[in-house]
N, C-alpha and C. Protein backbone atom coordinates (compact mmCIF):
# COMPACT_ATOMS: atom_id res chain seq x y z
N MET A 1 0.99 -0.98 0.18
CA MET A 1 -0.07 0.01 -0.11
C MET A 1 1.01 1.29 0.29
N LYS A 2 0.35 2.14 -0.80
CA LYS A 2 1.19 3.66 -0.84
C LYS A 2 0.08 4.70 -0.43
N LEU A 3 0.98 5.77 0.19
CA LEU A 3 -0.17 6.51 1.05
C LEU A 3 0.52 7.94 0.52
N LEU A 4 0.07 9.03 -0.53
CA LEU A 4 0.56 10.28 -0.27
C LEU A 4 0.00 11.35 1.02
N VAL A 5 1.10 12.00 1.63
CA VAL A 5 0.82 12.68 2.67
C VAL A 5 0.94 14.02 2.08
N ILE A 6 0.17 14.70 2.29
CA ILE A 6 0.23 16.16 0.97
C ILE A 6 0.09 17.29 2.31
N ASN A 7 1.36 17.94 2.54
CA ASN A 7 1.34 19.31 3.51
C ASN A 7 0.95 20.26 2.84
N PRO A 8 -0.10 21.00 2.81
CA PRO A 8 -0.55 22.21 1.90
C PRO A 8 0.20 23.28 2.25
N ASN A 9 1.05 23.56 3.11
CA ASN A 9 1.96 24.75 3.06
C ASN A 9 3.49 24.34 2.36
N SER A 10 4.04 25.42 2.78
CA SER A 10 5.48 25.22 1.71
C SER A 10 6.68 25.06 2.63
N ASP A 11 6.40 24.68 3.93
CA ASP A 11 7.47 24.81 4.88
C ASP A 11 8.14 23.35 5.11
N ASP A 12 9.40 23.15 4.14
CA ASP A 12 9.93 21.88 4.29
C ASP A 12 10.34 21.00 5.42
N SER A 13 10.48 22.15 6.72
CA SER A 13 10.87 21.42 8.00
C SER A 13 9.58 20.89 8.78
N PHE A 14 8.40 21.56 7.83
CA PHE A 14 7.15 21.19 8.41
C PHE A 14 6.71 19.55 7.84
N THR A 15 7.09 19.62 6.57
CA THR A 15 6.74 18.18 5.75
C THR A 15 7.67 17.25 6.59
N ALA A 16 8.90 17.69 6.79
CA ALA A 16 9.87 16.33 7.34
C ALA A 16 9.26 16.03 8.72
N LEU A 17 8.59 16.78 9.53
CA LEU A 17 8.14 16.61 11.16
C LEU A 17 7.13 15.68 10.24
N ILE A 18 5.85 16.17 9.63
CA ILE A 18 5.11 15.23 9.48
C ILE A 18 5.23 13.99 8.70
N GLY A 19 6.23 14.04 7.88
CA GLY A 19 6.56 12.89 7.37
C GLY A 19 7.10 11.71 8.14
N GLU A 20 8.06 12.14 9.24
CA GLU A 20 8.17 11.35 10.01
C GLU A 20 7.03 10.60 10.97
N ALA A 21 6.12 11.36 11.30
CA ALA A 21 5.25 10.96 12.58
C ALA A 21 4.03 10.42 11.62
N ALA A 22 3.95 10.06 10.17
CA ALA A 22 3.07 9.09 9.11
C ALA A 22 3.49 8.44 9.18
N ARG A 23 5.19 7.63 8.94
CA ARG A 23 5.85 6.68 8.73
C ARG A 23 5.57 6.26 10.23
N LYS A 24 5.68 6.75 11.19
CA LYS A 24 5.68 5.87 12.29
C LYS A 24 4.30 5.36 12.34
N ALA A 25 3.36 6.28 12.38
CA ALA A 25 1.97 5.82 12.48
C ALA A 25 1.45 4.55 11.97
N ALA A 26 2.30 4.19 10.42
CA ALA A 26 1.76 3.75 9.27
C ALA A 26 2.26 1.91 10.09
N ALA A 27 0.88 1.07 8.99
CA ALA A 27 1.41 -0.17 9.37
C ALA A 27 2.63 -0.58 8.36
N PRO A 28 3.37 -2.13 9.05
CA PRO A 28 4.18 -2.27 7.96
C PRO A 28 4.01 -2.81 6.56
N GLY A 29 5.07 -2.47 6.06
CA GLY A 29 4.25 -2.38 4.53
C GLY A 29 3.75 -1.60 3.76
N THR A 30 3.29 -0.35 4.66
CA THR A 30 3.14 0.79 3.93
C THR A 30 4.00 1.81 3.62
N GLU A 31 3.93 2.11 2.13
CA GLU A 31 4.64 3.32 1.97
C GLU A 31 4.35 4.26 2.09
N VAL A 32 5.24 5.41 2.69
CA VAL A 32 4.23 6.61 2.84
C VAL A 32 5.52 8.03 2.25
N LEU A 33 4.81 8.61 1.32
CA LEU A 33 5.41 9.71 0.72
C LEU A 33 5.02 10.98 1.25
N CYS A 34 5.72 12.03 1.48
CA CYS A 34 5.66 13.18 2.26
C CYS A 34 5.86 14.71 1.22
N GLU A 35 5.02 15.56 0.74
CA GLU A 35 5.15 16.38 -0.07
C GLU A 35 4.73 17.55 0.25
N SER A 36 5.44 18.81 0.37
CA SER A 36 4.74 19.89 0.39
C SER A 36 4.04 20.51 -1.21
N ALA A 37 3.11 21.51 -0.69
CA ALA A 37 2.40 21.80 -1.67
C ALA A 37 2.90 23.03 -2.63
N PRO A 38 3.37 22.56 -3.86
CA PRO A 38 4.51 23.70 -4.24
C PRO A 38 3.45 25.10 -4.66
N GLY A 39 4.32 26.17 -4.25
CA GLY A 39 3.83 27.30 -4.40
C GLY A 39 3.00 28.02 -3.34
N ALA A 40 2.83 26.80 -2.19
CA ALA A 40 1.82 27.62 -1.26
C ALA A 40 2.30 28.21 -0.14
N PRO A 41 1.54 28.92 0.53
CA PRO A 41 2.08 29.90 1.62
C PRO A 41 2.86 28.84 2.90
N ARG A 42 3.82 29.19 3.67
CA ARG A 42 4.43 28.89 4.39
C ARG A 42 3.52 28.43 5.85
N PHE A 43 2.64 28.85 5.96
CA PHE A 43 1.95 28.23 7.13
C PHE A 43 -0.11 28.69 6.37
N ILE A 44 -0.60 27.77 7.09
CA ILE A 44 -2.43 27.47 6.92
C ILE A 44 -2.95 28.06 7.57
N GLU A 45 -3.60 29.30 7.42
CA GLU A 45 -4.39 29.64 8.61
C GLU A 45 -5.77 30.56 8.61
N THR A 46 -6.23 31.11 7.39
CA THR A 46 -6.88 31.47 6.87
C THR A 46 -7.50 30.83 5.35
N HIS A 47 -8.75 31.65 5.23
CA HIS A 47 -9.63 30.81 3.87
C HIS A 47 -8.69 31.59 2.99
N GLU A 48 -7.59 32.60 2.90
CA GLU A 48 -7.22 32.77 1.82
C GLU A 48 -5.92 32.01 1.54
N ASP A 49 -5.30 31.64 2.89
CA ASP A 49 -4.42 30.36 2.38
C ASP A 49 -4.57 29.09 1.81
N ASP A 50 -6.13 28.78 2.17
CA ASP A 50 -6.48 27.84 1.49
C ASP A 50 -6.87 27.88 -0.09
N ILE A 51 -7.02 28.90 -0.29
CA ILE A 51 -6.91 29.21 -1.98
C ILE A 51 -5.50 29.27 -2.55
N LEU A 52 -4.80 29.84 -1.70
CA LEU A 52 -3.41 29.89 -2.07
C LEU A 52 -2.28 28.40 -2.28
N CYS A 53 -2.92 27.70 -1.69
CA CYS A 53 -2.60 26.20 -1.33
C CYS A 53 -2.96 25.49 -2.49
N ALA A 54 -4.04 25.90 -3.12
CA ALA A 54 -5.11 24.88 -3.94
C ALA A 54 -4.45 24.35 -5.26
N PRO A 55 -3.80 25.14 -6.00
CA PRO A 55 -3.10 24.96 -6.97
C PRO A 55 -1.66 23.60 -7.13
N GLY A 56 -1.05 23.90 -5.96
CA GLY A 56 0.24 23.16 -5.43
C GLY A 56 -0.74 21.60 -4.82
N MET A 57 -1.76 21.86 -4.08
CA MET A 57 -2.12 20.44 -3.79
C MET A 57 -2.62 19.35 -5.07
N PHE A 58 -3.56 19.80 -6.01
CA PHE A 58 -3.98 19.54 -7.36
C PHE A 58 -2.77 19.49 -7.87
N GLU A 59 -1.83 19.90 -7.91
CA GLU A 59 -0.36 19.56 -8.64
C GLU A 59 0.12 18.20 -8.20
N LEU A 60 -0.05 18.14 -7.03
CA LEU A 60 0.65 16.75 -6.21
C LEU A 60 -0.28 15.86 -6.39
N LEU A 61 -1.69 15.77 -6.43
CA LEU A 61 -2.68 14.89 -6.98
C LEU A 61 -2.64 14.39 -8.36
N LYS A 62 -2.01 15.14 -9.16
CA LYS A 62 -1.92 14.84 -10.90
C LYS A 62 -0.72 13.85 -10.67
N ARG A 63 0.16 14.04 -9.87
CA ARG A 63 1.32 14.04 -10.13
C ARG A 63 1.45 12.07 -9.76
N HIS A 64 0.49 12.22 -8.59
CA HIS A 64 1.04 10.91 -7.80
C HIS A 64 -0.31 10.15 -7.95
N THR A 65 -0.69 9.42 -9.47
CA THR A 65 -1.80 8.60 -9.57
C THR A 65 -1.90 6.81 -9.29
N ASP A 66 -0.42 6.62 -8.80
CA ASP A 66 -0.13 5.60 -8.15
C ASP A 66 -0.76 5.20 -6.95
N VAL A 67 -0.92 6.11 -5.95
CA VAL A 67 -0.70 5.62 -4.26
C VAL A 67 -2.82 5.39 -4.38
N ASP A 68 -2.60 4.66 -3.23
CA ASP A 68 -3.85 3.84 -2.93
C ASP A 68 -4.98 5.13 -2.32
N ALA A 69 -3.89 5.95 -1.61
CA ALA A 69 -5.12 6.65 -0.75
C ALA A 69 -4.39 7.93 -0.58
N PHE A 70 -5.02 9.47 -0.17
CA PHE A 70 -4.36 10.34 -0.09
C PHE A 70 -4.54 10.91 1.42
N VAL A 71 -3.39 11.39 2.05
CA VAL A 71 -3.61 12.26 3.28
C VAL A 71 -3.42 13.68 3.59
N VAL A 72 -4.39 14.55 3.98
CA VAL A 72 -4.04 16.23 3.59
C VAL A 72 -3.55 16.39 4.89
N ALA A 73 -2.56 16.61 5.48
CA ALA A 73 -1.50 16.78 6.82
C ALA A 73 -2.07 18.34 7.02
N CYS A 74 -3.20 18.85 7.31
CA CYS A 74 -3.47 19.98 7.70
C CYS A 74 -4.56 19.86 8.55
N THR A 75 -5.09 20.08 9.90
CA THR A 75 -6.36 19.78 10.46
C THR A 75 -7.37 20.96 10.31
N CYS A 76 -7.27 21.83 9.11
CA CYS A 76 -8.06 22.73 8.69
C CYS A 76 -8.74 21.69 7.54
N ASP A 77 -8.26 20.87 7.19
CA ASP A 77 -8.69 20.11 6.28
C ASP A 77 -8.49 20.94 4.53
N PRO A 78 -7.83 21.90 4.43
CA PRO A 78 -8.07 22.91 3.07
C PRO A 78 -8.35 22.19 1.85
N ASN A 79 -9.37 22.41 1.24
CA ASN A 79 -9.65 21.92 -0.22
C ASN A 79 -10.10 20.53 -0.46
N ILE A 80 -10.67 20.07 0.95
CA ILE A 80 -10.87 18.54 0.82
C ILE A 80 -11.54 18.34 0.02
N ASP A 81 -12.78 19.24 -0.13
CA ASP A 81 -14.01 18.54 -1.02
C ASP A 81 -13.60 18.28 -2.54
N ALA A 82 -12.62 19.68 -2.99
CA ALA A 82 -12.37 19.65 -4.24
C ALA A 82 -11.45 18.92 -4.46
N LEU A 83 -10.45 18.40 -3.50
CA LEU A 83 -9.38 16.95 -4.04
C LEU A 83 -10.46 15.91 -3.89
N ARG A 84 -11.67 15.75 -3.62
CA ARG A 84 -12.14 14.68 -3.57
C ARG A 84 -13.16 14.81 -5.12
N GLU A 85 -13.77 15.60 -5.67
CA GLU A 85 -13.72 15.66 -6.97
C GLU A 85 -13.07 15.01 -7.89
N LYS A 86 -11.54 15.34 -7.79
CA LYS A 86 -10.59 14.87 -8.73
C LYS A 86 -10.19 13.33 -8.64
N THR A 87 -10.28 12.73 -7.66
CA THR A 87 -10.04 11.52 -7.40
C THR A 87 -11.18 10.21 -6.84
N ASP A 88 -11.22 9.25 -7.24
CA ASP A 88 -12.09 8.26 -6.67
C ASP A 88 -11.36 7.37 -5.57
N LYS A 89 -10.20 7.99 -5.58
CA LYS A 89 -9.22 7.34 -4.58
C LYS A 89 -9.81 7.94 -2.74
N PRO A 90 -9.41 7.23 -2.00
CA PRO A 90 -9.79 8.09 -0.43
C PRO A 90 -8.86 9.10 -0.45
N VAL A 91 -9.61 10.40 -0.02
CA VAL A 91 -8.94 11.35 0.37
C VAL A 91 -9.24 11.87 1.66
N VAL A 92 -8.26 11.60 2.83
CA VAL A 92 -8.53 12.03 4.20
C VAL A 92 -7.97 13.01 4.82
N GLY A 93 -8.86 13.80 5.55
CA GLY A 93 -8.09 15.20 6.05
C GLY A 93 -7.87 14.46 7.65
N ALA A 94 -6.48 15.77 8.23
CA ALA A 94 -6.53 15.17 9.63
C ALA A 94 -7.35 15.59 10.30
N GLY A 95 -7.99 16.88 9.88
CA GLY A 95 -9.07 17.53 11.11
C GLY A 95 -9.85 16.57 11.15
N GLU A 96 -10.90 15.96 10.00
CA GLU A 96 -12.08 14.93 10.48
C GLU A 96 -11.53 13.81 10.95
N ALA A 97 -10.50 13.43 10.23
CA ALA A 97 -9.94 12.02 11.11
C ALA A 97 -9.70 12.31 12.47
N SER A 98 -9.24 13.38 12.90
CA SER A 98 -9.07 13.26 14.65
C SER A 98 -10.37 13.86 14.93
N MET A 99 -11.14 14.07 14.74
CA MET A 99 -12.47 14.15 15.28
C MET A 99 -13.29 12.76 15.39
N LEU A 100 -13.12 12.13 14.30
CA LEU A 100 -13.77 11.02 14.20
C LEU A 100 -13.13 9.65 15.15
N PHE A 101 -11.65 10.18 15.53
CA PHE A 101 -11.48 9.23 16.32
C PHE A 101 -11.59 9.11 18.04
N ALA A 102 -11.69 10.55 17.91
CA ALA A 102 -12.16 11.75 19.44
C ALA A 102 -13.35 10.62 19.85
N LEU A 103 -14.53 10.58 18.67
CA LEU A 103 -16.19 10.10 18.87
C LEU A 103 -16.21 8.55 20.09
N PRO A 104 -15.62 7.80 19.31
CA PRO A 104 -15.84 6.59 20.34
C PRO A 104 -14.79 6.66 21.89
N LEU A 105 -14.17 7.45 22.12
CA LEU A 105 -13.02 7.78 23.28
C LEU A 105 -13.75 8.38 24.35
N GLY A 106 -15.11 9.07 24.25
CA GLY A 106 -15.78 10.01 25.30
C GLY A 106 -16.67 10.62 24.75
N ALA A 107 -17.35 10.71 25.42
CA ALA A 107 -18.54 11.73 25.15
C ALA A 107 -18.54 13.37 24.35
N THR A 108 -17.22 14.00 24.96
CA THR A 108 -17.09 15.14 24.27
C THR A 108 -15.54 15.42 24.06
N PHE A 109 -15.16 16.03 23.13
CA PHE A 109 -13.71 16.40 22.35
C PHE A 109 -14.02 17.77 22.55
N SER A 110 -12.43 18.65 22.41
CA SER A 110 -12.15 19.63 22.41
C SER A 110 -10.91 19.83 21.31
N VAL A 111 -10.41 20.79 20.68
CA VAL A 111 -9.50 20.89 19.66
C VAL A 111 -8.48 22.03 20.51
N ILE A 112 -7.60 21.85 20.27
CA ILE A 112 -6.32 23.00 20.78
C ILE A 112 -5.79 23.60 19.79
N GLN A 113 -5.61 24.48 19.26
CA GLN A 113 -4.93 25.58 18.03
C GLN A 113 -3.41 26.06 18.62
N THR A 114 -2.84 26.04 17.65
CA THR A 114 -1.85 26.89 18.05
C THR A 114 -1.75 28.12 17.89
N THR A 115 -2.64 28.93 17.60
CA THR A 115 -2.65 30.26 17.19
C THR A 115 -4.53 30.98 17.67
N GLU A 116 -4.68 31.97 18.31
CA GLU A 116 -6.14 32.25 18.49
C GLU A 116 -6.69 32.59 17.26
N GLY A 117 -5.89 32.91 15.73
CA GLY A 117 -6.74 33.46 14.80
C GLY A 117 -7.13 32.16 14.17
N SER A 118 -6.88 30.84 14.46
CA SER A 118 -7.50 29.57 13.99
C SER A 118 -8.61 28.96 14.51
N VAL A 119 -8.72 29.58 15.32
CA VAL A 119 -10.05 29.07 16.15
C VAL A 119 -11.12 29.04 15.86
N GLN A 120 -11.84 30.41 15.08
CA GLN A 120 -12.96 30.29 14.86
C GLN A 120 -13.34 29.61 13.28
N LYS A 121 -12.02 29.39 12.83
CA LYS A 121 -12.09 28.53 11.46
C LYS A 121 -11.99 27.27 11.60
N LYS A 122 -11.81 26.55 13.03
CA LYS A 122 -11.87 25.33 13.38
C LYS A 122 -13.40 25.10 13.69
N ARG A 123 -13.79 25.97 14.39
CA ARG A 123 -15.01 26.20 14.97
C ARG A 123 -16.13 25.91 13.60
N GLU A 124 -15.63 26.58 12.39
CA GLU A 124 -16.58 26.44 11.11
C GLU A 124 -16.59 24.96 11.01
N LEU A 125 -15.23 24.54 10.96
CA LEU A 125 -14.95 22.90 10.60
C LEU A 125 -15.43 22.16 11.28
N VAL A 126 -16.02 22.40 12.29
CA VAL A 126 -16.65 21.18 13.57
C VAL A 126 -18.11 21.27 13.14
N ARG A 127 -18.71 22.31 12.53
CA ARG A 127 -20.05 22.44 12.45
C ARG A 127 -20.22 22.26 11.00
N LYS A 128 -18.93 22.39 10.07
CA LYS A 128 -19.41 21.41 8.83
C LYS A 128 -19.78 20.01 8.84
N TYR A 129 -19.04 19.50 9.89
CA TYR A 129 -18.87 17.96 10.00
C TYR A 129 -20.19 17.74 10.88
N GLY A 130 -20.85 18.62 11.44
CA GLY A 130 -22.38 17.77 11.95
C GLY A 130 -21.66 17.94 13.68
N LEU A 131 -20.14 17.88 14.18
CA LEU A 131 -20.01 17.49 15.20
C LEU A 131 -19.93 18.54 16.51
N GLN A 132 -20.73 19.66 16.01
CA GLN A 132 -20.81 20.79 17.39
C GLN A 132 -21.29 20.39 18.49
N ASP A 133 -22.32 19.30 18.86
CA ASP A 133 -23.01 19.03 19.88
C ASP A 133 -22.11 18.11 20.41
N ARG A 134 -20.91 17.25 20.01
CA ARG A 134 -19.78 16.69 20.60
C ARG A 134 -18.55 17.60 21.00
N CYS A 135 -18.70 18.56 20.32
CA CYS A 135 -17.40 19.52 20.44
C CYS A 135 -17.58 20.36 22.03
N ALA A 136 -16.82 20.32 22.76
CA ALA A 136 -16.79 20.90 24.28
C ALA A 136 -16.07 22.38 23.79
N SER A 137 -15.08 22.40 23.10
CA SER A 137 -14.47 23.70 22.69
C SER A 137 -13.58 23.91 21.56
N VAL A 138 -13.20 24.82 21.41
CA VAL A 138 -12.03 25.14 20.41
C VAL A 138 -11.20 26.06 21.14
N ARG A 139 -9.95 25.78 21.68
CA ARG A 139 -8.92 26.53 22.46
C ARG A 139 -7.87 26.91 21.75
N ALA A 140 -7.13 27.82 21.92
CA ALA A 140 -6.10 28.21 21.40
C ALA A 140 -4.67 28.44 22.64
N ILE A 141 -3.42 27.67 22.43
CA ILE A 141 -2.72 28.23 23.40
C ILE A 141 -2.34 29.73 23.59
N ASP A 142 -1.97 30.23 24.69
CA ASP A 142 -1.31 31.37 25.24
C ASP A 142 -0.09 31.80 24.48
N GLU A 143 -0.33 32.55 23.28
CA GLU A 143 0.42 32.83 22.51
C GLU A 143 1.51 34.14 23.25
N LYS A 144 1.23 34.71 24.16
CA LYS A 144 2.10 35.47 24.93
C LYS A 144 2.90 35.21 25.88
N SER A 145 2.63 34.08 26.28
CA SER A 145 3.54 33.14 27.28
C SER A 145 4.59 32.95 26.49
N ASP A 146 5.71 32.88 27.70
CA ASP A 146 7.39 32.53 26.98
C ASP A 146 7.27 31.15 27.66
N ALA A 147 6.56 30.35 27.64
CA ALA A 147 6.71 29.03 28.64
C ALA A 147 6.97 28.28 27.09
N PRO A 148 7.52 26.98 27.44
CA PRO A 148 7.81 26.07 25.93
C PRO A 148 6.71 25.71 25.40
N ARG A 149 6.51 25.46 24.18
CA ARG A 149 5.22 25.33 23.34
C ARG A 149 4.59 24.03 24.08
N GLU A 150 5.14 22.76 24.13
CA GLU A 150 4.42 21.84 25.02
C GLU A 150 3.64 22.10 26.07
N GLU A 151 4.55 22.81 27.34
CA GLU A 151 3.58 23.42 28.12
C GLU A 151 2.49 24.40 28.16
N LYS A 152 2.54 25.44 27.34
CA LYS A 152 1.39 25.84 26.83
C LYS A 152 0.28 25.20 26.38
N LEU A 153 0.61 24.23 25.53
CA LEU A 153 -0.06 23.18 24.83
C LEU A 153 -1.12 22.30 26.03
N ALA A 154 -0.17 21.95 26.83
CA ALA A 154 -0.91 21.28 28.12
C ALA A 154 -1.58 22.33 29.24
N ALA A 155 -1.22 23.42 29.22
CA ALA A 155 -2.36 24.48 29.73
C ALA A 155 -3.24 24.30 29.23
N ALA A 156 -3.60 25.03 27.99
CA ALA A 156 -4.76 24.89 27.40
C ALA A 156 -5.48 23.39 27.43
N ALA A 157 -4.88 22.74 27.28
CA ALA A 157 -5.65 21.36 27.20
C ALA A 157 -6.21 21.22 28.44
N MET A 158 -5.66 21.28 29.88
CA MET A 158 -6.19 21.46 31.28
C MET A 158 -7.35 21.89 31.05
N ARG A 159 -7.44 23.54 30.50
CA ARG A 159 -8.46 24.07 30.60
C ARG A 159 -10.00 23.44 29.74
N ALA A 160 -9.51 23.21 28.96
CA ALA A 160 -10.37 22.37 28.24
C ALA A 160 -11.06 21.00 28.78
N ARG A 161 -9.94 20.20 29.63
CA ARG A 161 -10.98 19.10 30.46
C ARG A 161 -11.21 19.42 31.28
N ASP A 162 -10.84 20.52 32.32
CA ASP A 162 -11.48 21.43 33.78
C ASP A 162 -12.84 21.90 33.37
N ASP A 163 -12.14 23.06 32.49
CA ASP A 163 -13.23 24.24 32.48
C ASP A 163 -14.79 23.84 31.39
N ASP A 164 -14.04 23.30 30.33
CA ASP A 164 -15.15 22.71 29.40
C ASP A 164 -15.76 21.51 29.25
N GLY A 165 -15.17 20.85 30.21
CA GLY A 165 -15.82 19.42 30.31
C GLY A 165 -15.05 18.50 29.01
N ALA A 166 -14.13 18.54 28.56
CA ALA A 166 -13.69 18.09 27.31
C ALA A 166 -13.06 16.74 28.06
N GLU A 167 -13.29 15.36 27.52
CA GLU A 167 -13.19 14.14 27.73
C GLU A 167 -12.26 13.45 26.67
N VAL A 168 -12.00 14.30 25.94
CA VAL A 168 -10.84 13.86 24.99
C VAL A 168 -10.47 15.16 24.03
N VAL A 169 -9.29 15.19 23.83
CA VAL A 169 -8.39 16.79 23.17
C VAL A 169 -7.90 15.86 21.95
N THR A 170 -8.12 17.03 20.75
CA THR A 170 -7.32 16.43 19.55
C THR A 170 -6.31 17.88 19.18
N LEU A 171 -5.31 17.29 18.82
CA LEU A 171 -4.03 18.37 18.27
C LEU A 171 -4.87 19.17 17.31
N GLY A 172 -4.66 20.41 17.21
CA GLY A 172 -5.63 21.20 15.78
C GLY A 172 -4.63 21.65 15.25
N CYS A 173 -3.28 20.94 15.01
CA CYS A 173 -2.18 21.95 13.96
C CYS A 173 -1.19 20.57 13.82
N ALA A 174 -0.83 20.31 12.49
CA ALA A 174 -0.52 19.06 12.22
C ALA A 174 1.49 19.22 12.63
N GLY A 175 1.58 20.57 12.94
CA GLY A 175 2.66 20.87 13.50
C GLY A 175 3.07 20.69 15.27
N LEU A 176 2.03 19.87 15.56
CA LEU A 176 1.94 19.19 17.06
C LEU A 176 2.17 17.79 17.06
N ALA A 177 2.37 17.09 15.97
CA ALA A 177 2.70 15.78 15.94
C ALA A 177 3.60 15.13 16.56
N GLY A 178 3.50 14.12 17.15
CA GLY A 178 4.43 13.55 17.86
C GLY A 178 4.16 13.80 19.56
N LEU A 179 3.31 14.91 19.58
CA LEU A 179 3.17 15.09 21.30
C LEU A 179 2.06 14.32 21.93
N ASP A 180 1.09 13.76 21.44
CA ASP A 180 0.08 13.17 22.06
C ASP A 180 0.01 12.24 23.05
N LYS A 181 1.23 11.57 22.99
CA LYS A 181 1.01 10.64 24.19
C LYS A 181 1.66 10.92 25.21
N ARG A 182 2.57 12.31 25.06
CA ARG A 182 3.13 12.54 26.31
C ARG A 182 2.26 13.34 27.12
N LEU A 183 1.43 14.07 26.28
CA LEU A 183 0.37 15.00 26.67
C LEU A 183 -0.78 14.40 27.09
N GLU A 184 -1.26 13.34 26.58
CA GLU A 184 -1.99 11.92 27.13
C GLU A 184 -1.83 11.86 28.62
N ARG A 185 -0.25 11.65 28.83
CA ARG A 185 0.29 10.98 30.35
C ARG A 185 0.22 12.36 31.43
N THR A 186 -0.07 13.50 30.77
CA THR A 186 -0.08 14.50 31.82
C THR A 186 -1.20 15.10 31.92
N LEU A 187 -2.41 14.62 30.97
CA LEU A 187 -3.83 14.89 31.12
C LEU A 187 -4.61 14.11 31.55
N GLY A 188 -4.41 12.53 31.61
CA GLY A 188 -5.26 11.70 31.92
C GLY A 188 -6.23 10.88 30.92
N ILE A 189 -6.26 12.02 29.82
CA ILE A 189 -7.27 11.63 29.10
C ILE A 189 -6.71 11.04 27.64
N PRO A 190 -7.42 10.80 26.63
CA PRO A 190 -7.21 10.40 25.45
C PRO A 190 -6.80 11.74 24.60
N VAL A 191 -5.49 11.66 24.16
CA VAL A 191 -5.28 12.78 23.16
C VAL A 191 -5.11 12.53 21.59
N ILE A 192 -5.52 12.96 20.70
CA ILE A 192 -5.66 12.26 19.38
C ILE A 192 -4.72 13.08 18.63
N ASP A 193 -3.58 12.79 18.16
CA ASP A 193 -2.93 13.45 16.83
C ASP A 193 -3.18 13.02 15.45
N GLY A 194 -3.77 14.36 14.49
CA GLY A 194 -4.47 14.23 13.63
C GLY A 194 -3.68 13.70 12.44
N ILE A 195 -2.41 13.63 12.56
CA ILE A 195 -1.48 13.02 11.54
C ILE A 195 -1.80 11.34 11.82
N VAL A 196 -1.50 10.66 12.80
CA VAL A 196 -1.93 9.31 13.19
C VAL A 196 -3.20 9.26 12.63
N ALA A 197 -4.04 9.86 13.16
CA ALA A 197 -5.63 9.38 12.96
C ALA A 197 -5.86 9.37 11.28
N ALA A 198 -5.06 9.96 10.72
CA ALA A 198 -5.61 10.32 9.12
C ALA A 198 -4.60 9.18 8.26
N VAL A 199 -3.83 8.82 9.11
CA VAL A 199 -2.99 7.68 8.51
C VAL A 199 -3.61 6.37 8.54
N LYS A 200 -4.10 6.15 9.73
CA LYS A 200 -4.71 4.82 10.00
C LYS A 200 -6.08 4.74 9.55
N LEU A 201 -6.74 6.01 9.25
CA LEU A 201 -8.09 5.87 8.58
C LEU A 201 -7.81 5.72 6.98
N ALA A 202 -6.99 6.27 6.65
CA ALA A 202 -6.49 6.12 5.05
C ALA A 202 -5.89 4.87 4.93
N GLU A 203 -5.22 4.06 5.75
CA GLU A 203 -4.99 2.62 5.33
C GLU A 203 -5.99 1.63 5.50
N ALA A 204 -7.20 1.94 6.46
CA ALA A 204 -8.11 1.29 6.54
C ALA A 204 -9.15 1.27 5.29
N LEU A 205 -9.48 2.83 5.23
CA LEU A 205 -10.34 2.61 3.75
C LEU A 205 -9.58 2.18 2.62
N ALA A 206 -8.19 2.13 2.37
CA ALA A 206 -7.50 1.70 1.13
C ALA A 206 -7.46 0.28 1.43
N ALA A 207 -7.30 -0.35 2.57
CA ALA A 207 -7.36 -1.95 2.70
C ALA A 207 -8.54 -2.09 2.19
N ARG A 208 -10.02 -2.06 2.44
CA ARG A 208 -10.68 -2.65 1.79
C ARG A 208 -11.50 -2.03 0.53
N GLY A 209 -10.80 -0.94 -0.45
CA GLY A 209 -11.03 -0.86 -1.76
C GLY A 209 -11.79 0.07 -1.65
N SER A 210 -12.11 1.04 -0.74
CA SER A 210 -12.99 2.26 -0.77
C SER A 210 -12.74 3.30 -1.87
N PHE A 211 -13.47 3.51 -2.49
CA PHE A 211 -13.47 4.90 -3.32
C PHE A 211 -14.32 5.98 -2.82
N THR A 212 -14.30 7.26 -3.63
CA THR A 212 -14.96 8.36 -3.03
C THR A 212 -15.86 8.61 -4.02
N SER A 213 -17.31 8.65 -3.90
CA SER A 213 -18.44 9.21 -4.25
C SER A 213 -18.35 10.58 -4.73
N ARG A 214 -17.95 10.64 -5.66
CA ARG A 214 -17.45 12.18 -5.96
C ARG A 214 -18.95 13.04 -6.35
N ARG A 215 -19.16 14.31 -5.50
CA ARG A 215 -20.61 14.75 -6.25
C ARG A 215 -20.48 15.11 -7.89
N GLY A 216 -21.90 15.21 -7.99
CA GLY A 216 -22.03 15.29 -9.30
C GLY A 216 -21.96 14.10 -10.50
N LYS A 217 -21.03 13.08 -9.88
CA LYS A 217 -21.22 11.64 -10.45
C LYS A 217 -22.64 11.18 -10.94
N TYR A 218 -23.72 11.03 -9.83
CA TYR A 218 -24.94 10.74 -10.28
C TYR A 218 -25.77 11.58 -10.42
N SER A 219 -25.24 12.62 -10.72
CA SER A 219 -26.48 13.85 -10.81
C SER A 219 -27.41 13.59 -12.03
N GLY A 220 -27.32 12.46 -12.75
CA GLY A 220 -28.51 12.28 -14.15
C GLY A 220 -29.65 11.29 -13.05
N LEU A 221 -29.20 10.71 -11.91
CA LEU A 221 -30.22 9.71 -11.19
C LEU A 221 -31.44 10.53 -10.61
């Protein structure tokens, strides 16, 4: 089995981090390719960023026709619907996968973002997937704090657990990949890494020979 993990931004160090996390999560025998979207912004936060990274994402989709499934390694799931219109192979978003993995593990989940500016965008994504009744909150780490990032992440997640009633936490940025287990030990509740969730879901869908039912395909019925 072969997966293409698409980093929608153009930060190669970010792509290396995502690729490492994806390969660790993959089952033996799964080949994982990880590439940045050509010409994309260095960070995906706004709707404008989604538009700007789209051409590069489509280019990767066209270039890698031999893979069994695609993973969009951004928890805002940019351009996910458009990509699904262009291929019948499974296209899995890290945001959607992380929320779906949270559902069997607790009654409510919270998403922890790395910037305050991305909070509203993630709330919109939660509503898109119809999961607002299961989402306790979307919180951001304290960007003004001088504490190490992992400490800021833990503090935000503790507030989600203690103040918002979250029973599961999902990491709202692919750049937080690899922190799930350490944070889980600190919090005492499940923590979902979107890259891990997306890779495992993509493997499962590809293994059963799943295909995407593209919008408009059956418009004549």
